[in-house]
PDB file of N, CA and C in Angstrom:
ATOM      1  N   UNK A   1      -7.280  18.279 -12.766  1.00  0.00           N
ATOM      2  CA  UNK A   1      -6.119  17.498 -13.095  1.00  0.00           C
ATOM      3  C   UNK A   1      -6.365  16.047 -12.672  1.00  0.00           C
ATOM      4  N   UNK A   2      -5.748  15.148 -13.375  1.00  0.00           N
ATOM      5  CA  UNK A   2      -5.898  13.719 -13.100  1.00  0.00           C
ATOM      6  C   UNK A   2      -4.633  13.198 -12.435  1.00  0.00           C
ATOM      7  N   UNK A   3      -4.821  12.351 -11.431  1.00  0.00           N
ATOM      8  CA  UNK A   3      -3.697  11.809 -10.678  1.00  0.00           C
ATOM      9  C   UNK A   3      -3.864  10.313 -10.486  1.00  0.00           C
ATOM     10  N   UNK A   4      -2.720   9.644 -10.328  1.00  0.00           N
ATOM     11  CA  UNK A   4      -2.685   8.240  -9.953  1.00  0.00           C
ATOM     12  C   UNK A   4      -1.953   8.154  -8.626  1.00  0.00           C
ATOM     13  N   UNK A   5      -2.632   7.595  -7.625  1.00  0.00           N
ATOM     14  CA  UNK A   5      -2.010   7.381  -6.316  1.00  0.00           C
ATOM     15  C   UNK A   5      -1.683   5.904  -6.186  1.00  0.00           C
ATOM     16  N   UNK A   6      -0.457   5.624  -5.842  1.00  0.00           N
ATOM     17  CA  UNK A   6      -0.030   4.255  -5.538  1.00  0.00           C
ATOM     18  C   UNK A   6       0.073   4.158  -4.021  1.00  0.00           C
ATOM     19  N   UNK A   7      -0.771   3.319  -3.438  1.00  0.00           N
ATOM     20  CA  UNK A   7      -0.884   3.226  -1.980  1.00  0.00           C
ATOM     21  C   UNK A   7      -0.329   1.876  -1.521  1.00  0.00           C
ATOM     22  N   UNK A   8       0.552   1.928  -0.522  1.00  0.00           N
ATOM     23  CA  UNK A   8       1.161   0.726   0.053  1.00  0.00           C
ATOM     24  C   UNK A   8       0.728   0.639   1.515  1.00  0.00           C
ATOM     25  N   UNK A   9       0.120  -0.475   1.880  1.00  0.00           N
ATOM     26  CA  UNK A   9      -0.367  -0.675   3.245  1.00  0.00           C
ATOM     27  C   UNK A   9       0.313  -1.922   3.798  1.00  0.00           C
ATOM     28  N   UNK A  10       0.866  -1.809   4.996  1.00  0.00           N
ATOM     29  CA  UNK A  10       1.501  -2.963   5.636  1.00  0.00           C
ATOM     30  C   UNK A  10       1.204  -2.940   7.130  1.00  0.00           C
ATOM     31  N   UNK A  11       1.348  -4.099   7.739  1.00  0.00           N
ATOM     32  CA  UNK A  11       1.159  -4.185   9.177  1.00  0.00           C
ATOM     33  C   UNK A  11       2.269  -3.412   9.874  1.00  0.00           C
ATOM     34  N   UNK A  12       1.949  -2.812  11.000  1.00  0.00           N
ATOM     35  CA  UNK A  12       2.970  -2.140  11.797  1.00  0.00           C
ATOM     36  C   UNK A  12       3.982  -3.183  12.261  1.00  0.00           C
ATOM     37  N   UNK A  13       5.246  -2.783  12.450  1.00  0.00           N
ATOM     38  CA  UNK A  13       6.290  -3.753  12.818  1.00  0.00           C
ATOM     39  C   UNK A  13       5.967  -4.578  14.058  1.00  0.00           C
ATOM     40  N   UNK A  14       5.263  -4.021  15.028  1.00  0.00           N
ATOM     41  CA  UNK A  14       4.974  -4.744  16.271  1.00  0.00           C
ATOM     42  C   UNK A  14       3.822  -5.742  16.125  1.00  0.00           C
ATOM     43  N   UNK A  15       3.114  -5.713  14.982  1.00  0.00           N
ATOM     44  CA  UNK A  15       1.947  -6.578  14.791  1.00  0.00           C
ATOM     45  C   UNK A  15       2.388  -7.901  14.158  1.00  0.00           C
ATOM     46  N   UNK A  16       1.943  -9.009  14.753  1.00  0.00           N
ATOM     47  CA  UNK A  16       2.248 -10.335  14.230  1.00  0.00           C
ATOM     48  C   UNK A  16       1.646 -10.489  12.829  1.00  0.00           C
ATOM     49  N   UNK A  17       2.388 -11.137  11.932  1.00  0.00           N
ATOM     50  CA  UNK A  17       1.955 -11.305  10.540  1.00  0.00           C
ATOM     51  C   UNK A  17       1.899 -12.793  10.194  1.00  0.00           C
ATOM     52  N   UNK A  18       0.808 -13.497  10.552  1.00  0.00           N
ATOM     53  CA  UNK A  18       0.727 -14.928  10.274  1.00  0.00           C
ATOM     54  C   UNK A  18       0.829 -15.260   8.788  1.00  0.00           C
ATOM     55  N   UNK A  19       0.289 -14.396   7.944  1.00  0.00           N
ATOM     56  CA  UNK A  19       0.372 -14.627   6.504  1.00  0.00           C
ATOM     57  C   UNK A  19       1.832 -14.555   6.052  1.00  0.00           C
ATOM     58  N   UNK A  20       2.563 -13.594   6.566  1.00  0.00           N
ATOM     59  CA  UNK A  20       3.976 -13.463   6.233  1.00  0.00           C
ATOM     60  C   UNK A  20       4.776 -14.671   6.695  1.00  0.00           C
ATOM     61  N   UNK A  21       4.455 -15.196   7.881  1.00  0.00           N
ATOM     62  CA  UNK A  21       5.142 -16.387   8.397  1.00  0.00           C
ATOM     63  C   UNK A  21       4.869 -17.586   7.493  1.00  0.00           C
ATOM     64  N   UNK A  22       3.627 -17.732   7.033  1.00  0.00           N
ATOM     65  CA  UNK A  22       3.274 -18.825   6.133  1.00  0.00           C
ATOM     66  C   UNK A  22       4.049 -18.721   4.826  1.00  0.00           C
ATOM     67  N   UNK A  23       4.130 -17.526   4.264  1.00  0.00           N
ATOM     68  CA  UNK A  23       4.871 -17.328   3.017  1.00  0.00           C
ATOM     69  C   UNK A  23       6.357 -17.604   3.236  1.00  0.00           C
ATOM     70  N   UNK A  24       6.905 -17.141   4.350  1.00  0.00           N
ATOM     71  CA  UNK A  24       8.314 -17.386   4.675  1.00  0.00           C
ATOM     72  C   UNK A  24       8.607 -18.877   4.705  1.00  0.00           C
ATOM     73  N   UNK A  25       7.794 -19.620   5.428  1.00  0.00           N
ATOM     74  CA  UNK A  25       8.012 -21.074   5.529  1.00  0.00           C
ATOM     75  C   UNK A  25       7.907 -21.756   4.163  1.00  0.00           C
ATOM     76  N   UNK A  26       6.940 -21.334   3.357  1.00  0.00           N
ATOM     77  CA  UNK A  26       6.782 -21.920   2.021  1.00  0.00           C
ATOM     78  C   UNK A  26       8.005 -21.622   1.154  1.00  0.00           C
ATOM     79  N   UNK A  27       8.497 -20.400   1.205  1.00  0.00           N
ATOM     80  CA  UNK A  27       9.687 -20.055   0.418  1.00  0.00           C
ATOM     81  C   UNK A  27      10.889 -20.881   0.863  1.00  0.00           C
ATOM     82  N   UNK A  28      11.037 -21.046   2.163  1.00  0.00           N
ATOM     83  CA  UNK A  28      12.161 -21.836   2.670  1.00  0.00           C
ATOM     84  C   UNK A  28      12.036 -23.301   2.246  1.00  0.00           C
ATOM     85  N   UNK A  29      10.815 -23.846   2.265  1.00  0.00           N
ATOM     86  CA  UNK A  29      10.601 -25.225   1.801  1.00  0.00           C
ATOM     87  C   UNK A  29      10.908 -25.371   0.314  1.00  0.00           C
ATOM     88  N   UNK A  30      10.724 -24.299  -0.435  1.00  0.00           N
ATOM     89  CA  UNK A  30      11.012 -24.329  -1.877  1.00  0.00           C
ATOM     90  C   UNK A  30      12.498 -24.137  -2.169  1.00  0.00           C
ATOM     91  N   UNK A  31      13.301 -24.024  -1.122  1.00  0.00           N
ATOM     92  CA  UNK A  31      14.739 -23.937  -1.311  1.00  0.00           C
ATOM     93  C   UNK A  31      15.315 -22.537  -1.206  1.00  0.00           C
ATOM     94  N   UNK A  32      14.508 -21.560  -0.893  1.00  0.00           N
ATOM     95  CA  UNK A  32      15.001 -20.191  -0.745  1.00  0.00           C
ATOM     96  C   UNK A  32      15.456 -19.986   0.703  1.00  0.00           C
ATOM     97  N   UNK A  33      16.541 -20.661   1.055  1.00  0.00           N
ATOM     98  CA  UNK A  33      17.000 -20.681   2.445  1.00  0.00           C
ATOM     99  C   UNK A  33      17.519 -19.330   2.927  1.00  0.00           C
ATOM    100  N   UNK A  34      17.846 -18.442   2.029  1.00  0.00           N
ATOM    101  CA  UNK A  34      18.349 -17.132   2.410  1.00  0.00           C
ATOM    102  C   UNK A  34      17.269 -16.153   2.845  1.00  0.00           C
ATOM    103  N   UNK A  35      16.015 -16.505   2.635  1.00  0.00           N
ATOM    104  CA  UNK A  35      14.923 -15.604   3.019  1.00  0.00           C
ATOM    105  C   UNK A  35      14.803 -15.610   4.536  1.00  0.00           C
ATOM    106  N   UNK A  36      14.914 -14.456   5.144  1.00  0.00           N
ATOM    107  CA  UNK A  36      14.908 -14.332   6.602  1.00  0.00           C
ATOM    108  C   UNK A  36      13.578 -13.830   7.164  1.00  0.00           C
ATOM    109  N   UNK A  37      12.786 -13.172   6.355  1.00  0.00           N
ATOM    110  CA  UNK A  37      11.518 -12.652   6.850  1.00  0.00           C
ATOM    111  C   UNK A  37      10.638 -12.192   5.706  1.00  0.00           C
ATOM    112  N   UNK A  38       9.332 -12.245   5.921  1.00  0.00           N
ATOM    113  CA  UNK A  38       8.351 -11.799   4.934  1.00  0.00           C
ATOM    114  C   UNK A  38       7.245 -11.061   5.670  1.00  0.00           C
ATOM    115  N   UNK A  39       6.861  -9.925   5.159  1.00  0.00           N
ATOM    116  CA  UNK A  39       5.691  -9.190   5.656  1.00  0.00           C
ATOM    117  C   UNK A  39       4.741  -9.048   4.472  1.00  0.00           C
ATOM    118  N   UNK A  40       3.486  -9.370   4.670  1.00  0.00           N
ATOM    119  CA  UNK A  40       2.488  -9.296   3.613  1.00  0.00           C
ATOM    120  C   UNK A  40       1.698  -8.000   3.784  1.00  0.00           C
ATOM    121  N   UNK A  41       1.423  -7.333   2.679  1.00  0.00           N
ATOM    122  CA  UNK A  41       0.673  -6.091   2.718  1.00  0.00           C
ATOM    123  C   UNK A  41      -0.270  -5.979   1.536  1.00  0.00           C
ATOM    124  N   UNK A  42      -0.724  -4.751   1.281  1.00  0.00           N
ATOM    125  CA  UNK A  42      -1.646  -4.478   0.176  1.00  0.00           C
ATOM    126  C   UNK A  42      -1.053  -3.374  -0.689  1.00  0.00           C
ATOM    127  N   UNK A  43      -1.350  -3.449  -1.974  1.00  0.00           N
ATOM    128  CA  UNK A  43      -0.986  -2.395  -2.920  1.00  0.00           C
ATOM    129  C   UNK A  43      -2.259  -2.000  -3.638  1.00  0.00           C
ATOM    130  N   UNK A  44      -2.543  -0.691  -3.673  1.00  0.00           N
ATOM    131  CA  UNK A  44      -3.737  -0.199  -4.358  1.00  0.00           C
ATOM    132  C   UNK A  44      -3.356   0.925  -5.300  1.00  0.00           C
ATOM    133  N   UNK A  45      -4.063   1.030  -6.400  1.00  0.00           N
ATOM    134  CA  UNK A  45      -3.943   2.169  -7.316  1.00  0.00           C
ATOM    135  C   UNK A  45      -5.271   2.906  -7.301  1.00  0.00           C
ATOM    136  N   UNK A  46      -5.213   4.200  -7.038  1.00  0.00           N
ATOM    137  CA  UNK A  46      -6.417   5.022  -6.985  1.00  0.00           C
ATOM    138  C   UNK A  46      -6.258   6.149  -7.994  1.00  0.00           C
ATOM    139  N   UNK A  47      -7.156   6.216  -8.942  1.00  0.00           N
ATOM    140  CA  UNK A  47      -7.159   7.319  -9.904  1.00  0.00           C
ATOM    141  C   UNK A  47      -8.174   8.344  -9.415  1.00  0.00           C
ATOM    142  N   UNK A  48      -7.760   9.612  -9.425  1.00  0.00           N
ATOM    143  CA  UNK A  48      -8.653  10.648  -8.912  1.00  0.00           C
ATOM    144  C   UNK A  48      -8.407  11.966  -9.614  1.00  0.00           C
ATOM    145  N   UNK A  49      -9.374  12.850  -9.481  1.00  0.00           N
ATOM    146  CA  UNK A  49      -9.253  14.216  -9.980  1.00  0.00           C
ATOM    147  C   UNK A  49      -9.112  15.135  -8.782  1.00  0.00           C
ATOM    148  N   UNK A  50      -8.259  16.132  -8.934  1.00  0.00           N
ATOM    149  CA  UNK A  50      -8.065  17.130  -7.882  1.00  0.00           C
ATOM    150  C   UNK A  50      -7.532  18.398  -8.526  1.00  0.00           C
ATOM    151  N   UNK A  51      -7.631  19.499  -7.814  1.00  0.00           N
ATOM    152  CA  UNK A  51      -7.178  20.794  -8.339  1.00  0.00           C
ATOM    153  C   UNK A  51      -5.673  20.815  -8.571  1.00  0.00           C
ATOM    154  N   UNK A  52      -4.914  20.159  -7.698  1.00  0.00           N
ATOM    155  CA  UNK A  52      -3.454  20.117  -7.823  1.00  0.00           C
ATOM    156  C   UNK A  52      -2.923  18.937  -7.014  1.00  0.00           C
ATOM    157  N   UNK A  53      -1.604  18.724  -7.069  1.00  0.00           N
ATOM    158  CA  UNK A  53      -0.999  17.584  -6.392  1.00  0.00           C
ATOM    159  C   UNK A  53      -1.248  17.627  -4.876  1.00  0.00           C
ATOM    160  N   UNK A  54      -1.137  18.796  -4.276  1.00  0.00           N
ATOM    161  CA  UNK A  54      -1.342  18.911  -2.831  1.00  0.00           C
ATOM    162  C   UNK A  54      -2.756  18.480  -2.447  1.00  0.00           C
ATOM    163  N   UNK A  55      -3.739  18.880  -3.236  1.00  0.00           N
ATOM    164  CA  UNK A  55      -5.119  18.487  -2.957  1.00  0.00           C
ATOM    165  C   UNK A  55      -5.294  16.976  -3.131  1.00  0.00           C
ATOM    166  N   UNK A  56      -4.662  16.423  -4.145  1.00  0.00           N
ATOM    167  CA  UNK A  56      -4.737  14.977  -4.361  1.00  0.00           C
ATOM    168  C   UNK A  56      -4.100  14.236  -3.188  1.00  0.00           C
ATOM    169  N   UNK A  57      -2.963  14.714  -2.717  1.00  0.00           N
ATOM    170  CA  UNK A  57      -2.290  14.082  -1.583  1.00  0.00           C
ATOM    171  C   UNK A  57      -3.148  14.151  -0.320  1.00  0.00           C
ATOM    172  N   UNK A  58      -3.814  15.279  -0.104  1.00  0.00           N
ATOM    173  CA  UNK A  58      -4.695  15.398   1.066  1.00  0.00           C
ATOM    174  C   UNK A  58      -5.841  14.376   0.985  1.00  0.00           C
ATOM    175  N   UNK A  59      -6.414  14.232  -0.206  1.00  0.00           N
ATOM    176  CA  UNK A  59      -7.521  13.288  -0.384  1.00  0.00           C
ATOM    177  C   UNK A  59      -7.059  11.852  -0.132  1.00  0.00           C
ATOM    178  N   UNK A  60      -5.903  11.505  -0.669  1.00  0.00           N
ATOM    179  CA  UNK A  60      -5.402  10.132  -0.510  1.00  0.00           C
ATOM    180  C   UNK A  60      -5.057   9.860   0.960  1.00  0.00           C
ATOM    181  N   UNK A  61      -4.467  10.831   1.632  1.00  0.00           N
ATOM    182  CA  UNK A  61      -4.169  10.659   3.064  1.00  0.00           C
ATOM    183  C   UNK A  61      -5.458  10.414   3.839  1.00  0.00           C
ATOM    184  N   UNK A  62      -6.512  11.136   3.498  1.00  0.00           N
ATOM    185  CA  UNK A  62      -7.798  10.951   4.170  1.00  0.00           C
ATOM    186  C   UNK A  62      -8.385   9.573   3.848  1.00  0.00           C
ATOM    187  N   UNK A  63      -8.248   9.130   2.596  1.00  0.00           N
ATOM    188  CA  UNK A  63      -8.720   7.794   2.216  1.00  0.00           C
ATOM    189  C   UNK A  63      -8.011   6.714   3.032  1.00  0.00           C
ATOM    190  N   UNK A  64      -6.710   6.884   3.187  1.00  0.00           N
ATOM    191  CA  UNK A  64      -5.936   5.901   3.963  1.00  0.00           C
ATOM    192  C   UNK A  64      -6.411   5.868   5.406  1.00  0.00           C
ATOM    193  N   UNK A  65      -6.638   7.025   5.985  1.00  0.00           N
ATOM    194  CA  UNK A  65      -7.055   7.104   7.378  1.00  0.00           C
ATOM    195  C   UNK A  65      -8.461   6.598   7.639  1.00  0.00           C
ATOM    196  N   UNK A  66      -9.338   6.708   6.623  1.00  0.00           N
ATOM    197  CA  UNK A  66     -10.737   6.342   6.817  1.00  0.00           C
ATOM    198  C   UNK A  66     -11.103   4.944   6.316  1.00  0.00           C
ATOM    199  N   UNK A  67     -10.351   4.422   5.317  1.00  0.00           N
ATOM    200  CA  UNK A  67     -10.790   3.155   4.727  1.00  0.00           C
ATOM    201  C   UNK A  67      -9.656   2.229   4.311  1.00  0.00           C
ATOM    202  N   UNK A  68      -8.661   2.741   3.626  1.00  0.00           N
ATOM    203  CA  UNK A  68      -7.672   1.872   2.995  1.00  0.00           C
ATOM    204  C   UNK A  68      -6.741   1.184   3.974  1.00  0.00           C
ATOM    205  N   UNK A  69      -6.506   1.790   5.121  1.00  0.00           N
ATOM    206  CA  UNK A  69      -5.636   1.193   6.137  1.00  0.00           C
ATOM    207  C   UNK A  69      -6.315   1.290   7.498  1.00  0.00           C
ATOM    208  N   UNK A  70      -6.074   0.291   8.324  1.00  0.00           N
ATOM    209  CA  UNK A  70      -6.565   0.307   9.703  1.00  0.00           C
ATOM    210  C   UNK A  70      -5.455   0.930  10.550  1.00  0.00           C
ATOM    211  N   UNK A  71      -5.606   2.170  10.995  1.00  0.00           N
ATOM    212  CA  UNK A  71      -4.510   2.854  11.684  1.00  0.00           C
ATOM    213  C   UNK A  71      -4.102   2.212  13.010  1.00  0.00           C
ATOM    214  N   UNK A  72      -4.914   1.313  13.538  1.00  0.00           N
ATOM    215  CA  UNK A  72      -4.555   0.639  14.781  1.00  0.00           C
ATOM    216  C   UNK A  72      -3.436  -0.379  14.538  1.00  0.00           C
ATOM    217  N   UNK A  73      -3.517  -1.122  13.416  1.00  0.00           N
ATOM    218  CA  UNK A  73      -2.540  -2.184  13.175  1.00  0.00           C
ATOM    219  C   UNK A  73      -1.737  -2.014  11.890  1.00  0.00           C
ATOM    220  N   UNK A  74      -2.118  -1.060  11.042  1.00  0.00           N
ATOM    221  CA  UNK A  74      -1.444  -0.909   9.752  1.00  0.00           C
ATOM    222  C   UNK A  74      -0.839   0.482   9.596  1.00  0.00           C
ATOM    223  N   UNK A  75       0.161   0.529   8.736  1.00  0.00           N
ATOM    224  CA  UNK A  75       0.757   1.799   8.339  1.00  0.00           C
ATOM    225  C   UNK A  75       0.605   1.913   6.825  1.00  0.00           C
ATOM    226  N   UNK A  76       0.547   3.140   6.340  1.00  0.00           N
ATOM    227  CA  UNK A  76       0.403   3.320   4.899  1.00  0.00           C
ATOM    228  C   UNK A  76       1.342   4.415   4.424  1.00  0.00           C
ATOM    229  N   UNK A  77       1.673   4.309   3.161  1.00  0.00           N
ATOM    230  CA  UNK A  77       2.419   5.363   2.488  1.00  0.00           C
ATOM    231  C   UNK A  77       1.907   5.389   1.055  1.00  0.00           C
ATOM    232  N   UNK A  78       2.106   6.515   0.389  1.00  0.00           N
ATOM    233  CA  UNK A  78       1.597   6.612  -0.971  1.00  0.00           C
ATOM    234  C   UNK A  78       2.452   7.559  -1.795  1.00  0.00           C
ATOM    235  N   UNK A  79       2.324   7.388  -3.103  1.00  0.00           N
ATOM    236  CA  UNK A  79       2.960   8.269  -4.084  1.00  0.00           C
ATOM    237  C   UNK A  79       1.853   8.776  -4.981  1.00  0.00           C
ATOM    238  N   UNK A  80       1.880  10.054  -5.308  1.00  0.00           N
ATOM    239  CA  UNK A  80       0.871  10.629  -6.198  1.00  0.00           C
ATOM    240  C   UNK A  80       1.590  11.216  -7.414  1.00  0.00           C
ATOM    241  N   UNK A  81       1.122  10.838  -8.593  1.00  0.00           N
ATOM    242  CA  UNK A  81       1.714  11.336  -9.834  1.00  0.00           C
ATOM    243  C   UNK A  81       0.609  11.843 -10.754  1.00  0.00           C
ATOM    244  N   UNK A  82       0.908  12.911 -11.447  1.00  0.00           N
ATOM    245  CA  UNK A  82      -0.060  13.419 -12.422  1.00  0.00           C
ATOM    246  C   UNK A  82      -0.174  12.420 -13.550  1.00  0.00           C
ATOM    247  N   UNK A  83      -1.387  12.292 -14.066  1.00  0.00           N
ATOM    248  CA  UNK A  83      -1.658  11.302 -15.106  1.00  0.00           C
ATOM    249  C   UNK A  83      -2.482  11.962 -16.199  1.00  0.00           C
ATOM    250  N   UNK A  84      -2.220  11.581 -17.428  1.00  0.00           N
ATOM    251  CA  UNK A  84      -3.022  12.084 -18.537  1.00  0.00           C
ATOM    252  C   UNK A  84      -4.429  11.522 -18.400  1.00  0.00           C
ATOM    253  N   UNK A  85      -5.443  12.316 -18.711  1.00  0.00           N
ATOM    254  CA  UNK A  85      -6.814  11.800 -18.610  1.00  0.00           C
ATOM    255  C   UNK A  85      -7.012  10.620 -19.562  1.00  0.00           C
ATOM    256  N   UNK A  86      -7.826   9.667 -19.141  1.00  0.00           N
ATOM    257  CA  UNK A  86      -8.110   8.487 -19.956  1.00  0.00           C
ATOM    258  C   UNK A  86      -8.919   8.903 -21.182  1.00  0.00           C
ATOM    259  N   UNK A  87      -8.591   8.329 -22.317  1.00  0.00           N
ATOM    260  CA  UNK A  87      -9.352   8.589 -23.544  1.00  0.00           C
ATOM    261  C   UNK A  87     -10.039   7.298 -23.956  1.00  0.00           C
ATOM    262  N   UNK A  88     -11.296   7.416 -24.331  1.00  0.00           N
ATOM    263  CA  UNK A  88     -12.071   6.224 -24.713  1.00  0.00           C
ATOM    264  C   UNK A  88     -12.448   6.306 -26.157  1.00  0.00           C
TER     265      UNK A  88
END
């Protein structure tokens, strides 16, 4: 079966986010005075084959733990959906 995993990686709440602070200040300078905070993260799409959704979820969780997110400073979450195989 073919799956698409949408992976969201962000810094843990206790970790300082200098990139987010820079974006916040820029937005405020552009007149978006209502913006109170910004956290910058990563979004990844991973297409994979697995026997079933549970197997795909296990693989994606392992990917997050080993490469896609740094578990010391980042947190991750993901969604896995079945996808029709690509046709060429």
